[in-house]
Amino acid sequence: FAETKAGYDSWLAAPAIQRVFGFDPNERLAQVHG
């Protein structure tokens, strides 16, 4: 039992994750949902 997730906003959340962890979280989210 997992959950569908909304995409990460491109102003704060996605740039912060990309800055620290080095990946685009929306790219990973697409992989998860698929």
PDB file of all heavy atoms in Angstrom:
ATOM      1  N   PHE A   1       0.859  -1.181   0.000  1.00  0.00           N
ATOM      2  CA  PHE A   1       0.000   0.000   0.000  1.00  0.00           C
ATOM      3  C   PHE A   1       0.899   1.236   0.000  1.00  0.00           C
ATOM      4  O   PHE A   1       1.533   1.565   1.007  1.00  0.00           O
ATOM      5  CB  PHE A   1      -0.934   0.008   1.208  1.00  0.00           C
ATOM      6  CG  PHE A   1      -1.991  -1.058   1.155  1.00  0.00           C
ATOM      7  CD1 PHE A   1      -1.823  -2.260   1.834  1.00  0.00           C
ATOM      8  CD2 PHE A   1      -3.138  -0.875   0.395  1.00  0.00           C
ATOM      9  CE1 PHE A   1      -2.790  -3.251   1.779  1.00  0.00           C
ATOM     10  CE2 PHE A   1      -4.119  -1.869   0.324  1.00  0.00           C
ATOM     11  CZ  PHE A   1      -3.934  -3.052   1.020  1.00  0.00           C
ATOM     12  N   ALA A   2       0.973   1.883  -1.158  1.00  0.00           N
ATOM     13  CA  ALA A   2       1.735   3.115  -1.320  1.00  0.00           C
ATOM     14  C   ALA A   2       0.745   4.247  -1.565  1.00  0.00           C
ATOM     15  O   ALA A   2      -0.465   4.064  -1.457  1.00  0.00           O
ATOM     16  CB  ALA A   2       2.728   2.973  -2.472  1.00  0.00           C
ATOM     17  N   GLU A   3       1.238   5.422  -1.906  1.00  0.00           N
ATOM     18  CA  GLU A   3       0.339   6.550  -2.171  1.00  0.00           C
ATOM     19  C   GLU A   3       0.809   7.325  -3.392  1.00  0.00           C
ATOM     20  O   GLU A   3       2.001   7.402  -3.681  1.00  0.00           O
ATOM     21  CB  GLU A   3       0.293   7.499  -0.964  1.00  0.00           C
ATOM     22  CG  GLU A   3       1.625   8.162  -0.668  1.00  0.00           C
ATOM     23  CD  GLU A   3       1.525   9.273   0.380  1.00  0.00           C
ATOM     24  OE1 GLU A   3       0.663  10.151   0.242  1.00  0.00           O
ATOM     25  OE2 GLU A   3       2.339   9.249   1.322  1.00  0.00           O
ATOM     26  N   THR A   4      -0.147   7.872  -4.108  1.00  0.00           N
ATOM     27  CA  THR A   4       0.206   8.801  -5.176  1.00  0.00           C
ATOM     28  C   THR A   4       0.669  10.108  -4.546  1.00  0.00           C
ATOM     29  O   THR A   4       0.172  10.531  -3.500  1.00  0.00           O
ATOM     30  CB  THR A   4      -0.997   9.061  -6.090  1.00  0.00           C
ATOM     31  OG1 THR A   4      -2.106   9.550  -5.297  1.00  0.00           O
ATOM     32  CG2 THR A   4      -1.428   7.791  -6.817  1.00  0.00           C
ATOM     33  N   LYS A   5       1.662  10.741  -5.168  1.00  0.00           N
ATOM     34  CA  LYS A   5       2.235  11.968  -4.636  1.00  0.00           C
ATOM     35  C   LYS A   5       2.125  13.085  -5.672  1.00  0.00           C
ATOM     36  O   LYS A   5       2.258  12.854  -6.878  1.00  0.00           O
ATOM     37  CB  LYS A   5       3.717  11.778  -4.305  1.00  0.00           C
ATOM     38  CG  LYS A   5       4.022  10.645  -3.332  1.00  0.00           C
ATOM     39  CD  LYS A   5       3.591  10.955  -1.930  1.00  0.00           C
ATOM     40  CE  LYS A   5       4.453  11.981  -1.268  1.00  0.00           C
ATOM     41  NZ  LYS A   5       4.079  12.179   0.172  1.00  0.00           N
ATOM     42  N   ALA A   6       1.895  14.299  -5.193  1.00  0.00           N
ATOM     43  CA  ALA A   6       1.944  15.470  -6.066  1.00  0.00           C
ATOM     44  C   ALA A   6       3.390  15.777  -6.414  1.00  0.00           C
ATOM     45  O   ALA A   6       4.324  15.405  -5.692  1.00  0.00           O
ATOM     46  CB  ALA A   6       1.299  16.665  -5.374  1.00  0.00           C
ATOM     47  N   GLY A   7       3.602  16.460  -7.523  1.00  0.00           N
ATOM     48  CA  GLY A   7       4.950  16.836  -7.921  1.00  0.00           C
ATOM     49  C   GLY A   7       5.549  17.884  -6.992  1.00  0.00           C
ATOM     50  O   GLY A   7       4.846  18.584  -6.258  1.00  0.00           O
ATOM     51  N   TYR A   8       6.866  17.987  -7.015  1.00  0.00           N
ATOM     52  CA  TYR A   8       7.584  18.971  -6.200  1.00  0.00           C
ATOM     53  C   TYR A   8       7.538  20.341  -6.881  1.00  0.00           C
ATOM     54  O   TYR A   8       7.691  20.435  -8.104  1.00  0.00           O
ATOM     55  CB  TYR A   8       9.043  18.560  -6.028  1.00  0.00           C
ATOM     56  CG  TYR A   8       9.238  17.295  -5.227  1.00  0.00           C
ATOM     57  CD1 TYR A   8       9.100  16.047  -5.821  1.00  0.00           C
ATOM     58  CD2 TYR A   8       9.568  17.342  -3.882  1.00  0.00           C
ATOM     59  CE1 TYR A   8       9.290  14.870  -5.091  1.00  0.00           C
ATOM     60  CE2 TYR A   8       9.761  16.182  -3.143  1.00  0.00           C
ATOM     61  CZ  TYR A   8       9.620  14.953  -3.758  1.00  0.00           C
ATOM     62  OH  TYR A   8       9.812  13.800  -3.031  1.00  0.00           O
ATOM     63  N   ASP A   9       7.342  21.379  -6.087  1.00  0.00           N
ATOM     64  CA  ASP A   9       7.313  22.714  -6.677  1.00  0.00           C
ATOM     65  C   ASP A   9       8.708  23.095  -7.165  1.00  0.00           C
ATOM     66  O   ASP A   9       9.723  22.712  -6.588  1.00  0.00           O
ATOM     67  CB  ASP A   9       6.774  23.743  -5.686  1.00  0.00           C
ATOM     68  CG  ASP A   9       7.810  24.180  -4.666  1.00  0.00           C
ATOM     69  OD1 ASP A   9       8.590  25.093  -4.990  1.00  0.00           O
ATOM     70  OD2 ASP A   9       7.846  23.602  -3.562  1.00  0.00           O
ATOM     71  N   SER A  10       8.729  23.856  -8.255  1.00  0.00           N
ATOM     72  CA  SER A  10       9.994  24.165  -8.931  1.00  0.00           C
ATOM     73  C   SER A  10      10.708  25.381  -8.350  1.00  0.00           C
ATOM     74  O   SER A  10      11.805  25.722  -8.799  1.00  0.00           O
ATOM     75  CB  SER A  10       9.729  24.406 -10.428  1.00  0.00           C
ATOM     76  OG  SER A  10       8.847  25.505 -10.604  1.00  0.00           O
ATOM     77  N   TRP A  11      10.101  26.023  -7.329  1.00  0.00           N
ATOM     78  CA  TRP A  11      10.711  27.219  -6.747  1.00  0.00           C
ATOM     79  C   TRP A  11      11.553  26.918  -5.517  1.00  0.00           C
ATOM     80  O   TRP A  11      12.650  27.454  -5.363  1.00  0.00           O
ATOM     81  CB  TRP A  11       9.622  28.240  -6.385  1.00  0.00           C
ATOM     82  CG  TRP A  11       9.035  28.913  -7.571  1.00  0.00           C
ATOM     83  CD1 TRP A  11       7.895  28.577  -8.242  1.00  0.00           C
ATOM     84  CD2 TRP A  11       9.580  30.046  -8.265  1.00  0.00           C
ATOM     85  NE1 TRP A  11       7.690  29.416  -9.293  1.00  0.00           N
ATOM     86  CE2 TRP A  11       8.703  30.336  -9.343  1.00  0.00           C
ATOM     87  CE3 TRP A  11      10.707  30.847  -8.083  1.00  0.00           C
ATOM     88  CZ2 TRP A  11       8.917  31.382 -10.221  1.00  0.00           C
ATOM     89  CZ3 TRP A  11      10.926  31.894  -8.963  1.00  0.00           C
ATOM     90  CH2 TRP A  11      10.046  32.154 -10.016  1.00  0.00           C
ATOM     91  N   LEU A  12      11.040  26.068  -4.630  1.00  0.00           N
ATOM     92  CA  LEU A  12      11.735  25.817  -3.367  1.00  0.00           C
ATOM     93  C   LEU A  12      12.135  24.354  -3.184  1.00  0.00           C
ATOM     94  O   LEU A  12      13.313  24.040  -3.017  1.00  0.00           O
ATOM     95  CB  LEU A  12      10.863  26.274  -2.188  1.00  0.00           C
ATOM     96  CG  LEU A  12      10.640  27.781  -2.049  1.00  0.00           C
ATOM     97  CD1 LEU A  12       9.666  28.077  -0.917  1.00  0.00           C
ATOM     98  CD2 LEU A  12      11.962  28.503  -1.792  1.00  0.00           C
ATOM     99  N   ALA A  13      11.147  23.455  -3.197  1.00  0.00           N
ATOM    100  CA  ALA A  13      11.422  22.061  -2.842  1.00  0.00           C
ATOM    101  C   ALA A  13      12.385  21.385  -3.811  1.00  0.00           C
ATOM    102  O   ALA A  13      13.402  20.818  -3.400  1.00  0.00           O
ATOM    103  CB  ALA A  13      10.115  21.272  -2.754  1.00  0.00           C
ATOM    104  N   ALA A  14      12.065  21.426  -5.108  1.00  0.00           N
ATOM    105  CA  ALA A  14      12.914  20.736  -6.084  1.00  0.00           C
ATOM    106  C   ALA A  14      14.339  21.299  -6.113  1.00  0.00           C
ATOM    107  O   ALA A  14      15.309  20.532  -6.088  1.00  0.00           O
ATOM    108  CB  ALA A  14      12.267  20.779  -7.467  1.00  0.00           C
ATOM    109  N   PRO A  15      14.530  22.635  -6.158  1.00  0.00           N
ATOM    110  CA  PRO A  15      15.910  23.155  -6.132  1.00  0.00           C
ATOM    111  C   PRO A  15      16.671  22.790  -4.859  1.00  0.00           C
ATOM    112  O   PRO A  15      17.883  22.550  -4.907  1.00  0.00           O
ATOM    113  CB  PRO A  15      15.713  24.666  -6.242  1.00  0.00           C
ATOM    114  CG  PRO A  15      14.407  24.838  -6.937  1.00  0.00           C
ATOM    115  CD  PRO A  15      13.557  23.715  -6.419  1.00  0.00           C
ATOM    116  N   ALA A  16      15.976  22.747  -3.711  1.00  0.00           N
ATOM    117  CA  ALA A  16      16.654  22.395  -2.460  1.00  0.00           C
ATOM    118  C   ALA A  16      17.155  20.958  -2.493  1.00  0.00           C
ATOM    119  O   ALA A  16      18.297  20.664  -2.095  1.00  0.00           O
ATOM    120  CB  ALA A  16      15.718  22.599  -1.274  1.00  0.00           C
ATOM    121  N   ILE A  17      16.318  20.040  -2.963  1.00  0.00           N
ATOM    122  CA  ILE A  17      16.725  18.633  -3.044  1.00  0.00           C
ATOM    123  C   ILE A  17      17.847  18.468  -4.057  1.00  0.00           C
ATOM    124  O   ILE A  17      18.825  17.748  -3.827  1.00  0.00           O
ATOM    125  CB  ILE A  17      15.511  17.753  -3.406  1.00  0.00           C
ATOM    126  CG1 ILE A  17      14.494  17.769  -2.258  1.00  0.00           C
ATOM    127  CG2 ILE A  17      15.951  16.315  -3.717  1.00  0.00           C
ATOM    128  CD1 ILE A  17      13.164  17.153  -2.599  1.00  0.00           C
ATOM    129  N   GLN A  18      17.725  19.171  -5.175  1.00  0.00           N
ATOM    130  CA  GLN A  18      18.753  19.088  -6.202  1.00  0.00           C
ATOM    131  C   GLN A  18      20.085  19.644  -5.692  1.00  0.00           C
ATOM    132  O   GLN A  18      21.156  19.095  -5.966  1.00  0.00           O
ATOM    133  CB  GLN A  18      18.293  19.850  -7.443  1.00  0.00           C
ATOM    134  CG  GLN A  18      18.978  19.425  -8.725  1.00  0.00           C
ATOM    135  CD  GLN A  18      18.146  19.788  -9.946  1.00  0.00           C
ATOM    136  OE1 GLN A  18      17.367  20.737  -9.924  1.00  0.00           O
ATOM    137  NE2 GLN A  18      18.298  19.034 -11.009  1.00  0.00           N
ATOM    138  N   ARG A  19      20.029  20.710  -4.929  1.00  0.00           N
ATOM    139  CA  ARG A  19      21.237  21.324  -4.370  1.00  0.00           C
ATOM    140  C   ARG A  19      21.965  20.368  -3.425  1.00  0.00           C
ATOM    141  O   ARG A  19      23.179  20.217  -3.484  1.00  0.00           O
ATOM    142  CB  ARG A  19      20.862  22.610  -3.630  1.00  0.00           C
ATOM    143  CG  ARG A  19      21.885  23.103  -2.623  1.00  0.00           C
ATOM    144  CD  ARG A  19      23.106  23.710  -3.299  1.00  0.00           C
ATOM    145  NE  ARG A  19      24.094  24.121  -2.309  1.00  0.00           N
ATOM    146  CZ  ARG A  19      25.262  23.530  -2.144  1.00  0.00           C
ATOM    147  NH1 ARG A  19      25.591  22.485  -2.889  1.00  0.00           N
ATOM    148  NH2 ARG A  19      26.117  23.970  -1.230  1.00  0.00           N
ATOM    149  N   VAL A  20      21.203  19.713  -2.536  1.00  0.00           N
ATOM    150  CA  VAL A  20      21.825  18.887  -1.506  1.00  0.00           C
ATOM    151  C   VAL A  20      22.115  17.478  -2.003  1.00  0.00           C
ATOM    152  O   VAL A  20      23.225  16.963  -1.844  1.00  0.00           O
ATOM    153  CB  VAL A  20      20.940  18.838  -0.243  1.00  0.00           C
ATOM    154  CG1 VAL A  20      21.528  17.886   0.798  1.00  0.00           C
ATOM    155  CG2 VAL A  20      20.786  20.236   0.349  1.00  0.00           C
ATOM    156  N   PHE A  21      21.117  16.853  -2.632  1.00  0.00           N
ATOM    157  CA  PHE A  21      21.247  15.438  -2.999  1.00  0.00           C
ATOM    158  C   PHE A  21      21.655  15.211  -4.453  1.00  0.00           C
ATOM    159  O   PHE A  21      21.970  14.086  -4.833  1.00  0.00           O
ATOM    160  CB  PHE A  21      19.939  14.700  -2.710  1.00  0.00           C
ATOM    161  CG  PHE A  21      19.619  14.596  -1.244  1.00  0.00           C
ATOM    162  CD1 PHE A  21      18.747  15.485  -0.644  1.00  0.00           C
ATOM    163  CD2 PHE A  21      20.202  13.611  -0.457  1.00  0.00           C
ATOM    164  CE1 PHE A  21      18.450  15.395   0.708  1.00  0.00           C
ATOM    165  CE2 PHE A  21      19.919  13.511   0.888  1.00  0.00           C
ATOM    166  CZ  PHE A  21      19.047  14.406   1.487  1.00  0.00           C
ATOM    167  N   GLY A  22      21.593  16.254  -5.265  1.00  0.00           N
ATOM    168  CA  GLY A  22      22.111  16.142  -6.621  1.00  0.00           C
ATOM    169  C   GLY A  22      21.185  15.528  -7.639  1.00  0.00           C
ATOM    170  O   GLY A  22      21.607  15.235  -8.763  1.00  0.00           O
ATOM    171  N   PHE A  23      19.901  15.330  -7.305  1.00  0.00           N
ATOM    172  CA  PHE A  23      18.981  14.765  -8.300  1.00  0.00           C
ATOM    173  C   PHE A  23      17.684  15.560  -8.340  1.00  0.00           C
ATOM    174  O   PHE A  23      17.328  16.249  -7.378  1.00  0.00           O
ATOM    175  CB  PHE A  23      18.694  13.282  -8.026  1.00  0.00           C
ATOM    176  CG  PHE A  23      17.873  13.001  -6.783  1.00  0.00           C
ATOM    177  CD1 PHE A  23      16.489  12.887  -6.850  1.00  0.00           C
ATOM    178  CD2 PHE A  23      18.490  12.817  -5.546  1.00  0.00           C
ATOM    179  CE1 PHE A  23      15.732  12.614  -5.714  1.00  0.00           C
ATOM    180  CE2 PHE A  23      17.747  12.538  -4.406  1.00  0.00           C
ATOM    181  CZ  PHE A  23      16.374  12.441  -4.491  1.00  0.00           C
ATOM    182  N   ASP A  24      17.013  15.466  -9.461  1.00  0.00           N
ATOM    183  CA  ASP A  24      15.712  16.112  -9.647  1.00  0.00           C
ATOM    184  C   ASP A  24      14.645  15.214  -9.030  1.00  0.00           C
ATOM    185  O   ASP A  24      14.400  14.115  -9.520  1.00  0.00           O
ATOM    186  CB  ASP A  24      15.444  16.321 -11.141  1.00  0.00           C
ATOM    187  CG  ASP A  24      14.110  16.986 -11.420  1.00  0.00           C
ATOM    188  OD1 ASP A  24      13.300  17.137 -10.486  1.00  0.00           O
ATOM    189  OD2 ASP A  24      13.869  17.337 -12.594  1.00  0.00           O
ATOM    190  N   PRO A  25      13.973  15.648  -7.956  1.00  0.00           N
ATOM    191  CA  PRO A  25      13.001  14.770  -7.300  1.00  0.00           C
ATOM    192  C   PRO A  25      11.794  14.435  -8.172  1.00  0.00           C
ATOM    193  O   PRO A  25      11.175  13.385  -7.987  1.00  0.00           O
ATOM    194  CB  PRO A  25      12.588  15.573  -6.061  1.00  0.00           C
ATOM    195  CG  PRO A  25      12.849  16.999  -6.428  1.00  0.00           C
ATOM    196  CD  PRO A  25      14.067  16.964  -7.297  1.00  0.00           C
ATOM    197  N   ASN A  26      11.466  15.304  -9.122  1.00  0.00           N
ATOM    198  CA  ASN A  26      10.348  14.983 -10.007  1.00  0.00           C
ATOM    199  C   ASN A  26      10.707  13.868 -10.985  1.00  0.00           C
ATOM    200  O   ASN A  26       9.837  13.093 -11.393  1.00  0.00           O
ATOM    201  CB  ASN A  26       9.893  16.240 -10.748  1.00  0.00           C
ATOM    202  CG  ASN A  26       9.109  17.176  -9.838  1.00  0.00           C
ATOM    203  OD1 ASN A  26       8.169  16.765  -9.160  1.00  0.00           O
ATOM    204  ND2 ASN A  26       9.516  18.440  -9.785  1.00  0.00           N
ATOM    205  N   GLU A  27      11.973  13.780 -11.325  1.00  0.00           N
ATOM    206  CA  GLU A  27      12.422  12.671 -12.170  1.00  0.00           C
ATOM    207  C   GLU A  27      12.317  11.353 -11.399  1.00  0.00           C
ATOM    208  O   GLU A  27      11.860  10.335 -11.926  1.00  0.00           O
ATOM    209  CB  GLU A  27      13.867  12.931 -12.617  1.00  0.00           C
ATOM    210  CG  GLU A  27      14.354  12.023 -13.720  1.00  0.00           C
ATOM    211  CD  GLU A  27      15.741  12.404 -14.210  1.00  0.00           C
ATOM    212  OE1 GLU A  27      16.339  13.358 -13.663  1.00  0.00           O
ATOM    213  OE2 GLU A  27      16.230  11.736 -15.148  1.00  0.00           O
ATOM    214  N   ARG A  28      12.730  11.386 -10.154  1.00  0.00           N
ATOM    215  CA  ARG A  28      12.604  10.198  -9.319  1.00  0.00           C
ATOM    216  C   ARG A  28      11.139   9.851  -9.069  1.00  0.00           C
ATOM    217  O   ARG A  28      10.754   8.673  -9.098  1.00  0.00           O
ATOM    218  CB  ARG A  28      13.338  10.428  -7.992  1.00  0.00           C
ATOM    219  CG  ARG A  28      13.049   9.408  -6.892  1.00  0.00           C
ATOM    220  CD  ARG A  28      13.431   7.999  -7.249  1.00  0.00           C
ATOM    221  NE  ARG A  28      13.103   7.083  -6.143  1.00  0.00           N
ATOM    222  CZ  ARG A  28      12.881   5.796  -6.262  1.00  0.00           C
ATOM    223  NH1 ARG A  28      12.957   5.211  -7.459  1.00  0.00           N
ATOM    224  NH2 ARG A  28      12.592   5.049  -5.210  1.00  0.00           N
ATOM    225  N   LEU A  29      10.287  10.858  -8.863  1.00  0.00           N
ATOM    226  CA  LEU A  29       8.868  10.617  -8.627  1.00  0.00           C
ATOM    227  C   LEU A  29       8.223   9.947  -9.831  1.00  0.00           C
ATOM    228  O   LEU A  29       7.391   9.041  -9.680  1.00  0.00           O
ATOM    229  CB  LEU A  29       8.155  11.934  -8.308  1.00  0.00           C
ATOM    230  CG  LEU A  29       6.661  11.839  -7.982  1.00  0.00           C
ATOM    231  CD1 LEU A  29       6.412  10.969  -6.762  1.00  0.00           C
ATOM    232  CD2 LEU A  29       6.069  13.237  -7.774  1.00  0.00           C
ATOM    233  N   ALA A  30       8.594  10.363 -11.036  1.00  0.00           N
ATOM    234  CA  ALA A  30       8.063   9.723 -12.245  1.00  0.00           C
ATOM    235  C   ALA A  30       8.474   8.255 -12.288  1.00  0.00           C
ATOM    236  O   ALA A  30       7.683   7.389 -12.692  1.00  0.00           O
ATOM    237  CB  ALA A  30       8.561  10.462 -13.485  1.00  0.00           C
ATOM    238  N   GLN A  31       9.695   7.975 -11.880  1.00  0.00           N
ATOM    239  CA  GLN A  31      10.154   6.583 -11.826  1.00  0.00           C
ATOM    240  C   GLN A  31       9.321   5.780 -10.823  1.00  0.00           C
ATOM    241  O   GLN A  31       8.935   4.633 -11.094  1.00  0.00           O
ATOM    242  CB  GLN A  31      11.631   6.533 -11.443  1.00  0.00           C
ATOM    243  CG  GLN A  31      12.213   5.121 -11.389  1.00  0.00           C
ATOM    244  CD  GLN A  31      13.617   5.101 -10.803  1.00  0.00           C
ATOM    245  OE1 GLN A  31      13.860   5.658  -9.730  1.00  0.00           O
ATOM    246  NE2 GLN A  31      14.547   4.480 -11.507  1.00  0.00           N
ATOM    247  N   VAL A  32       9.035   6.382  -9.666  1.00  0.00           N
ATOM    248  CA  VAL A  32       8.243   5.710  -8.638  1.00  0.00           C
ATOM    249  C   VAL A  32       6.847   5.389  -9.142  1.00  0.00           C
ATOM    250  O   VAL A  32       6.362   4.257  -9.035  1.00  0.00           O
ATOM    251  CB  VAL A  32       8.172   6.580  -7.362  1.00  0.00           C
ATOM    252  CG1 VAL A  32       7.088   6.082  -6.414  1.00  0.00           C
ATOM    253  CG2 VAL A  32       9.522   6.610  -6.661  1.00  0.00           C
ATOM    254  N   HIS A  33       6.178   6.399  -9.710  1.00  0.00           N
ATOM    255  CA  HIS A  33       4.810   6.190 -10.177  1.00  0.00           C
ATOM    256  C   HIS A  33       4.734   5.221 -11.348  1.00  0.00           C
ATOM    257  O   HIS A  33       3.697   4.583 -11.560  1.00  0.00           O
ATOM    258  CB  HIS A  33       4.180   7.531 -10.561  1.00  0.00           C
ATOM    259  CG  HIS A  33       3.775   8.357  -9.384  1.00  0.00           C
ATOM    260  ND1 HIS A  33       3.530   9.712  -9.466  1.00  0.00           N
ATOM    261  CD2 HIS A  33       3.590   8.042  -8.086  1.00  0.00           C
ATOM    262  CE1 HIS A  33       3.199  10.177  -8.275  1.00  0.00           C
ATOM    263  NE2 HIS A  33       3.227   9.188  -7.423  1.00  0.00           N
ATOM    264  N   GLY A  34       5.805   5.082 -12.092  1.00  0.00           N
ATOM    265  CA  GLY A  34       5.816   4.156 -13.216  1.00  0.00           C
ATOM    266  C   GLY A  34       6.363   2.784 -12.872  1.00  0.00           C
ATOM    267  O   GLY A  34       6.497   1.927 -13.760  1.00  0.00           O
TER     268      GLY A  34
END
